[in-house]
Amino acid sequence: MLEKKFIKLLNEAGINVNGANPWDMKINSDRVFWSLVFGNLKLGETYMAGDWDCKQLDEFFFRLLKGGLNQRRYITNLLTFAKFMLVNAQKLNPWKVAEHHYDLGNDLFEAMLDGNMQYSCAYPKKGDNLELAQLGKLDLVCRKLQLKAGEDVLDIGCGWGGFAQYAAAKYGVNVTGLTVSKEQAELARQRCKDLPVAIITEDYNKFLTGGRKWDKIVSVGMFEHVGPKNYPTYMELAEKSLKPEGIFLLHTIGWLCDSINTDPWIERYIFPNGVIPSKLQIAAAAEKIFSEIDCHEFGACYDWTLMQWWQKFNAAWPRLSAENPKYDKKFYRMWEYYLKSCAGAFRARKLRLWQIVFTKKTAGNINYVPVR
């Protein structure tokens, strides 16, 4: 009975069990038939265990999500939603995601990412490789911020210092970068040692209470770790830290529905306490103190970016697994599931990518022309 229901659900999305298409599921264990009952948590866990295979996992998820199977409510999903409704997990332990994910090892991320170590959506033009597309994203952010030599810039969630290095070297600005990852901070300081860049290992909540103000503030790929209970505080701290005529750029993954959105498998195995904000949640937190002067959506580029990361990770895997025993077969399947399931979600337009530009409500008439 359960097996028939499982197969019927997949068939509705154009996916066959043990079919010939590259996006079809190949079943290796009957345990898989319980996975859709318990949602994506068990679906991911059974993939990690080798209970099923799929040649084109990204396309599997594209079809699964396009078919609306993500809209079915299961107990594991509801428990995850309840967690973030009742508990302010991000404030209780802001360091958890760094310890679990970003501190996995710089060797892994150096193998997977571009030379500027950009762990966020690229902005490719026709014919670009990953390197050029990430440079394009960095320059896009700088132009949207209207950077001028000598300005002070705050980078909330600076990662491995790629933006700080690029903006300081090309635009002559002074950058303060915040990260909760010790591994990221160490490499960022090495990369930026000859530039006017300060990398600080600190939670934004504590750092932004110091009273200092910046000409420009940028946050790329960090807001997904803030949590819905903290959106208003985050915006208030950013507004108080921005000079009167300053510009704040927020680059974040998002979705369109006004509710808490987190994938229980991603939350457990990849980004603990991660929550995807909705556009309405962002607007509600910002609208009283900020004016939105530009919003640019290019989520389709994230599908491309994730598949580029997968190709680089897969090519580097023989070396990574030979050099470090923690990179075992289960880790490989986990990373494949992570990158390809996310690519499928962007392809299905269930996830979006926004760059939103804000100024203070009290700012004067800033001459701002949107750039693309």
Protein backbone atom coordinates (compact mmCIF):
# COMPACT_ATOMS: atom_id res chain seq x y z
CA MET A 1 0.00 0.00 0.00
CA LEU A 2 2.74 2.46 1.00
CA GLU A 3 4.82 1.52 -2.02
CA LYS A 4 1.93 2.21 -4.38
CA LYS A 5 1.25 5.59 -2.77
CA PHE A 6 4.95 6.50 -3.04
CA ILE A 7 5.07 5.56 -6.73
CA LYS A 8 1.81 7.42 -7.45
CA LEU A 9 3.14 10.61 -5.86
CA LEU A 10 6.31 10.48 -7.93
CA ASN A 11 4.40 9.68 -11.11
CA GLU A 12 2.35 12.85 -10.59
CA ALA A 13 5.63 14.78 -10.83
CA GLY A 14 6.80 12.92 -13.95
CA ILE A 15 9.23 10.69 -12.04
CA ASN A 16 9.23 6.91 -12.40
CA VAL A 17 10.59 4.36 -9.96
CA ASN A 18 13.36 2.33 -11.60
CA GLY A 19 12.61 4.09 -14.88
CA ALA A 20 14.95 4.85 -17.77
CA ASN A 21 15.02 8.64 -17.50
CA PRO A 22 18.08 10.21 -15.81
CA TRP A 23 15.80 11.92 -13.24
CA ASP A 24 14.05 8.67 -12.25
CA MET A 25 14.69 6.97 -8.91
CA LYS A 26 16.56 3.68 -8.70
CA ILE A 27 15.44 1.94 -5.52
CA ASN A 28 18.11 0.00 -3.62
CA SER A 29 16.15 -0.57 -0.39
CA ASP A 30 12.48 -0.74 0.57
CA ARG A 31 13.21 1.77 3.36
CA VAL A 32 12.89 4.49 0.74
CA PHE A 33 9.13 3.97 0.59
CA TRP A 34 8.81 5.58 4.02
CA SER A 35 10.77 8.64 3.01
CA LEU A 36 8.01 10.70 1.39
CA VAL A 37 5.73 9.99 4.34
CA PHE A 38 8.21 11.76 6.62
CA GLY A 39 9.22 14.47 4.15
CA ASN A 40 12.57 15.58 2.83
CA LEU A 41 14.44 14.74 6.04
CA LYS A 42 14.07 10.99 5.48
CA LEU A 43 14.32 11.35 1.71
CA GLY A 44 17.75 12.93 2.17
CA GLU A 45 18.85 10.48 4.84
CA THR A 46 17.99 7.47 2.70
CA TYR A 47 19.94 9.00 -0.20
CA MET A 48 22.97 9.52 2.04
CA ALA A 49 22.67 5.86 3.12
CA GLY A 50 22.63 4.67 -0.50
CA ASP A 51 19.05 3.38 -0.36
CA TRP A 52 18.28 5.03 -3.70
CA ASP A 53 20.11 6.61 -6.60
CA CYS A 54 19.37 9.12 -9.32
CA LYS A 55 21.64 10.06 -12.22
CA GLN A 56 20.29 13.61 -12.46
CA LEU A 57 19.34 14.55 -8.91
CA ASP A 58 18.93 18.25 -9.70
CA GLU A 59 16.30 17.44 -12.34
CA PHE A 60 14.61 15.00 -9.94
CA PHE A 61 14.09 17.86 -7.48
CA PHE A 62 13.04 20.29 -10.19
CA ARG A 63 10.24 17.90 -11.16
CA LEU A 64 9.39 17.04 -7.56
CA LEU A 65 8.99 20.71 -6.65
CA LYS A 66 7.26 21.70 -9.88
CA GLY A 67 4.82 18.89 -9.19
CA GLY A 68 3.93 20.45 -5.85
CA LEU A 69 5.08 17.57 -3.64
CA ASN A 70 6.80 20.10 -1.36
CA GLN A 71 3.37 21.47 -0.45
CA ARG A 72 2.38 18.25 1.30
CA ARG A 73 2.73 18.70 5.07
CA TYR A 74 4.54 16.00 7.02
CA ILE A 75 5.36 15.60 10.71
CA THR A 76 9.11 16.30 10.40
CA ASN A 77 8.49 19.52 8.52
CA LEU A 78 5.95 20.70 11.08
CA LEU A 79 8.37 19.99 13.93
CA THR A 80 11.02 22.09 12.21
CA PHE A 81 8.58 24.97 11.67
CA ALA A 82 7.51 24.79 15.32
CA LYS A 83 11.12 24.99 16.45
CA PHE A 84 11.62 28.40 14.87
CA MET A 85 8.20 29.68 15.92
CA LEU A 86 8.81 28.87 19.60
CA VAL A 87 12.58 29.19 20.06
CA ASN A 88 15.03 31.91 19.03
CA ALA A 89 17.64 29.32 18.05
CA GLN A 90 19.81 31.75 16.07
CA LYS A 91 20.27 34.08 19.05
CA LEU A 92 20.87 31.24 21.51
CA ASN A 93 23.81 29.92 19.49
CA PRO A 94 24.92 32.16 16.58
CA TRP A 95 28.18 30.17 16.30
CA LYS A 96 26.56 26.79 15.60
CA VAL A 97 26.39 27.13 11.81
CA ALA A 98 30.09 28.06 11.65
CA GLU A 99 31.15 25.12 13.78
CA HIS A 100 29.00 22.70 11.78
CA HIS A 101 29.44 24.03 8.23
CA TYR A 102 31.77 26.94 7.55
CA ASP A 103 34.58 25.45 9.64
CA LEU A 104 34.45 22.10 7.82
CA GLY A 105 37.76 22.95 6.19
CA ASN A 106 39.05 25.62 3.84
CA ASP A 107 40.37 22.83 1.60
CA LEU A 108 36.80 21.82 0.73
CA PHE A 109 35.62 25.34 -0.08
CA GLU A 110 38.79 26.31 -1.96
CA ALA A 111 38.25 23.25 -4.19
CA MET A 112 34.58 24.05 -4.83
CA LEU A 113 34.45 27.84 -5.10
CA ASP A 114 36.06 30.43 -7.37
CA GLY A 115 39.34 32.22 -6.65
CA ASN A 116 37.56 34.95 -4.66
CA MET A 117 35.86 32.29 -2.48
CA GLN A 118 32.35 33.53 -3.15
CA TYR A 119 29.85 31.23 -1.44
CA SER A 120 26.80 33.00 -2.85
CA CYS A 121 25.02 33.38 -6.17
CA ALA A 122 27.17 34.44 -9.13
CA TYR A 123 26.04 36.87 -11.83
CA PRO A 124 27.03 35.25 -15.15
CA LYS A 125 26.93 36.86 -18.54
CA LYS A 126 26.84 34.81 -21.72
CA GLY A 127 30.00 32.70 -22.00
CA ASP A 128 31.23 33.36 -18.45
CA ASN A 129 32.89 30.69 -16.36
CA LEU A 130 32.44 30.66 -12.57
CA GLU A 131 35.46 32.91 -12.02
CA LEU A 132 34.18 35.68 -14.31
CA ALA A 133 30.60 35.32 -13.07
CA GLN A 134 31.63 35.83 -9.45
CA LEU A 135 33.76 38.83 -10.37
CA GLY A 136 30.67 40.17 -12.13
CA LYS A 137 28.66 39.74 -8.93
CA LEU A 138 31.29 41.49 -6.82
CA ASP A 139 31.42 44.47 -9.18
CA LEU A 140 27.63 44.58 -9.39
CA VAL A 141 27.46 44.90 -5.59
CA CYS A 142 30.11 47.62 -5.57
CA ARG A 143 28.33 49.63 -8.25
CA LYS A 144 24.98 49.30 -6.47
CA LEU A 145 26.63 50.60 -3.29
CA GLN A 146 28.10 53.52 -5.27
CA LEU A 147 31.44 53.00 -3.56
CA LYS A 148 33.87 55.92 -3.43
CA ALA A 149 37.52 55.88 -2.41
CA GLY A 150 38.04 56.46 1.30
CA GLU A 151 34.56 55.37 2.37
CA ASP A 152 34.07 53.03 5.34
CA VAL A 153 32.19 49.84 4.46
CA LEU A 154 30.77 47.21 6.81
CA ASP A 155 30.46 43.65 5.44
CA ILE A 156 28.11 41.63 7.67
CA GLY A 157 28.94 37.97 7.05
CA CYS A 158 32.18 38.55 5.15
CA GLY A 159 33.00 34.88 4.52
CA TRP A 160 36.58 34.34 3.36
CA GLY A 161 37.05 38.05 2.63
CA GLY A 162 36.44 37.99 -1.12
CA PHE A 163 34.23 41.08 -1.23
CA ALA A 164 36.43 42.98 1.24
CA GLN A 165 39.53 42.22 -0.82
CA TYR A 166 37.88 43.17 -4.12
CA ALA A 167 36.23 46.38 -2.86
CA ALA A 168 39.33 47.61 -1.03
CA ALA A 169 41.68 46.87 -3.94
CA LYS A 170 39.50 48.12 -6.81
CA TYR A 171 37.44 50.90 -5.20
CA GLY A 172 39.83 52.11 -2.50
CA VAL A 173 37.40 51.71 0.42
CA ASN A 174 38.10 50.68 4.01
CA VAL A 175 36.25 47.47 4.90
CA THR A 176 35.32 45.93 8.24
CA GLY A 177 34.23 42.32 7.80
CA LEU A 178 32.24 40.30 10.35
CA THR A 179 32.14 36.50 10.50
CA VAL A 180 31.34 33.86 13.13
CA SER A 181 33.68 31.36 11.44
CA LYS A 182 37.24 31.03 12.72
CA GLU A 183 38.33 29.24 9.53
CA GLN A 184 36.88 31.98 7.35
CA ALA A 185 38.44 34.73 9.45
CA GLU A 186 41.92 33.20 9.32
CA LEU A 187 41.92 32.92 5.53
CA ALA A 188 40.25 36.33 5.07
CA ARG A 189 43.00 38.01 7.10
CA GLN A 190 45.66 36.33 4.98
CA ARG A 191 43.99 37.43 1.75
CA CYS A 192 43.54 41.03 2.90
CA LYS A 193 46.75 41.55 4.89
CA ASP A 194 48.08 44.38 2.67
CA LEU A 195 44.73 46.17 2.32
CA PRO A 196 42.68 48.54 4.54
CA VAL A 197 40.57 45.64 5.76
CA ALA A 198 39.76 44.52 9.31
CA ILE A 199 38.28 41.03 9.79
CA ILE A 200 36.48 40.56 13.11
CA THR A 201 35.19 37.26 14.49
CA GLU A 202 32.02 38.37 16.22
CA ASP A 203 28.24 38.00 16.14
CA TYR A 204 26.57 41.01 14.49
CA ASN A 205 24.26 41.45 17.50
CA LYS A 206 27.16 42.26 19.79
CA PHE A 207 29.34 44.14 17.32
CA LEU A 208 26.68 46.56 16.06
CA THR A 209 25.91 47.89 19.53
CA GLY A 210 29.20 49.82 19.59
CA GLY A 211 27.77 52.98 18.04
CA ARG A 212 30.13 53.22 15.05
CA LYS A 213 28.63 54.29 11.71
CA TRP A 214 29.57 53.34 8.15
CA ASP A 215 29.09 54.98 4.76
CA LYS A 216 27.92 51.72 3.24
CA ILE A 217 26.75 48.37 4.64
CA VAL A 218 26.57 45.13 2.70
CA SER A 219 25.42 41.65 3.65
CA VAL A 220 25.78 38.87 1.08
CA GLY A 221 24.41 35.41 1.86
CA MET A 222 24.20 35.91 5.63
CA PHE A 223 20.57 36.91 6.23
CA GLU A 224 19.52 33.25 5.85
CA HIS A 225 21.15 32.66 9.25
CA VAL A 226 19.41 35.53 11.08
CA GLY A 227 16.05 33.87 11.84
CA PRO A 228 12.54 35.38 11.69
CA LYS A 229 12.46 36.42 15.34
CA ASN A 230 15.54 38.56 14.73
CA TYR A 231 14.68 40.29 11.43
CA PRO A 232 13.43 43.54 13.08
CA THR A 233 16.49 43.74 15.38
CA TYR A 234 18.85 43.06 12.47
CA MET A 235 17.30 45.89 10.44
CA GLU A 236 17.32 48.28 13.40
CA LEU A 237 21.01 47.59 14.07
CA ALA A 238 21.87 48.07 10.39
CA GLU A 239 19.94 51.37 10.29
CA LYS A 240 21.63 52.70 13.43
CA SER A 241 25.05 51.73 12.03
CA LEU A 242 24.52 53.53 8.71
CA LYS A 243 25.45 57.16 8.14
CA PRO A 244 22.56 59.55 7.27
CA GLU A 245 23.09 59.38 3.49
CA GLY A 246 24.42 55.83 3.45
CA ILE A 247 23.37 52.81 1.38
CA PHE A 248 22.65 49.28 2.65
CA LEU A 249 22.61 46.33 0.24
CA LEU A 250 21.06 43.02 1.31
CA HIS A 251 21.77 39.95 -0.87
CA THR A 252 19.70 36.98 0.26
CA ILE A 253 17.95 33.81 -0.82
CA GLY A 254 14.20 34.16 -0.33
CA TRP A 255 10.79 32.85 -1.18
CA LEU A 256 7.44 34.43 -1.92
CA CYS A 257 5.10 33.02 0.74
CA ASP A 258 4.76 34.77 4.10
CA SER A 259 5.60 31.92 6.47
CA ILE A 260 8.62 30.20 7.99
CA ASN A 261 10.47 28.19 5.35
CA THR A 262 13.22 25.76 6.22
CA ASP A 263 14.06 22.37 4.77
CA PRO A 264 14.46 19.92 7.69
CA TRP A 265 17.23 17.96 5.94
CA ILE A 266 19.19 21.12 5.06
CA GLU A 267 18.67 22.44 8.60
CA ARG A 268 19.98 19.25 10.20
CA TYR A 269 22.88 18.35 7.90
CA ILE A 270 24.02 21.56 6.19
CA PHE A 271 22.93 24.84 7.81
CA PRO A 272 21.77 24.43 11.44
CA ASN A 273 19.19 27.06 12.39
CA GLY A 274 18.96 28.27 8.80
CA VAL A 275 15.66 29.84 7.71
CA ILE A 276 14.81 31.27 4.28
CA PRO A 277 13.12 34.68 4.60
CA SER A 278 10.15 35.75 2.55
CA LYS A 279 9.96 39.08 0.76
CA LEU A 280 7.08 40.08 3.01
CA GLN A 281 9.08 39.30 6.15
CA ILE A 282 12.00 41.37 4.90
CA ALA A 283 9.68 44.26 4.02
CA ALA A 284 7.88 44.12 7.38
CA ALA A 285 11.18 44.31 9.26
CA ALA A 286 12.59 47.13 7.14
CA GLU A 287 9.71 49.34 6.00
CA LYS A 288 9.46 51.60 9.08
CA ILE A 289 13.13 52.60 9.08
CA PHE A 290 14.39 51.99 5.52
CA SER A 291 13.30 53.05 2.05
CA GLU A 292 13.71 50.32 -0.57
CA ILE A 293 15.17 51.98 -3.67
CA ASP A 294 15.97 48.88 -5.72
CA CYS A 295 15.14 45.17 -5.77
CA HIS A 296 16.86 42.87 -8.26
CA GLU A 297 15.85 39.19 -8.53
CA PHE A 298 18.16 36.74 -10.33
CA GLY A 299 17.47 33.35 -8.74
CA ALA A 300 17.91 31.55 -12.07
CA CYS A 301 21.61 32.35 -11.76
CA TYR A 302 21.77 30.35 -8.52
CA ASP A 303 20.79 27.16 -10.35
CA TRP A 304 23.77 27.73 -12.65
CA THR A 305 26.07 28.62 -9.73
CA LEU A 306 25.19 25.51 -7.72
CA MET A 307 25.81 23.24 -10.69
CA GLN A 308 29.18 24.93 -11.23
CA TRP A 309 30.05 24.23 -7.59
CA TRP A 310 28.96 20.62 -8.00
CA GLN A 311 31.19 20.12 -11.03
CA LYS A 312 34.20 21.56 -9.21
CA PHE A 313 33.49 19.55 -6.05
CA ASN A 314 33.04 16.35 -8.04
CA ALA A 315 36.29 16.90 -9.98
CA ALA A 316 38.20 17.56 -6.75
CA TRP A 317 36.68 14.63 -4.86
CA PRO A 318 39.44 12.03 -5.53
CA ARG A 319 42.02 14.39 -4.03
CA LEU A 320 39.82 15.57 -1.14
CA SER A 321 38.84 12.06 -0.09
CA ALA A 322 42.43 10.82 -0.34
CA GLU A 323 43.78 13.65 1.82
CA ASN A 324 41.11 13.75 4.53
CA PRO A 325 39.33 10.69 6.01
CA LYS A 326 36.30 12.75 7.11
CA TYR A 327 35.39 13.12 3.45
CA ASP A 328 33.89 9.65 3.08
CA LYS A 329 31.23 8.20 0.79
CA LYS A 330 28.39 9.38 3.02
CA PHE A 331 29.80 12.93 2.96
CA TYR A 332 30.02 12.81 -0.84
CA ARG A 333 26.37 11.78 -1.17
CA MET A 334 25.34 14.40 1.40
CA TRP A 335 27.13 17.16 -0.51
CA GLU A 336 25.70 15.98 -3.83
CA TYR A 337 22.19 15.97 -2.37
CA TYR A 338 22.70 19.45 -0.91
CA LEU A 339 24.00 21.13 -4.07
CA LYS A 340 21.68 19.43 -6.54
CA SER A 341 18.50 19.67 -4.46
CA CYS A 342 19.09 23.40 -4.05
CA ALA A 343 19.76 23.76 -7.79
CA GLY A 344 16.45 22.00 -8.49
CA ALA A 345 14.62 24.33 -6.09
CA PHE A 346 15.91 27.44 -7.90
CA ARG A 347 15.16 25.86 -11.27
CA ALA A 348 11.58 25.26 -10.15
CA ARG A 349 11.40 28.91 -8.94
CA LYS A 350 10.53 27.78 -5.42
CA LEU A 351 13.56 29.73 -4.19
CA ARG A 352 14.53 33.24 -5.28
CA LEU A 353 17.62 35.42 -4.98
CA TRP A 354 17.25 39.12 -4.20
CA GLN A 355 19.62 42.04 -3.98
CA ILE A 356 17.69 44.76 -2.17
CA VAL A 357 19.08 48.27 -1.80
CA PHE A 358 17.95 50.43 1.12
CA THR A 359 18.50 53.98 2.32
CA LYS A 360 17.37 55.52 5.59
CA LYS A 361 13.86 56.96 5.78
CA THR A 362 15.48 60.18 6.90
CA ALA A 363 17.95 60.32 3.98
CA GLY A 364 17.84 63.21 1.56
CA ASN A 365 17.24 62.93 -2.18
CA ILE A 366 19.92 60.37 -3.07
CA ASN A 367 20.62 60.23 -6.78
CA TYR A 368 20.32 56.47 -7.26
CA VAL A 369 20.08 54.82 -10.68
CA PRO A 370 19.60 51.02 -10.52
CA VAL A 371 22.39 49.05 -12.21
CA ARG A 372 22.34 45.55 -13.64
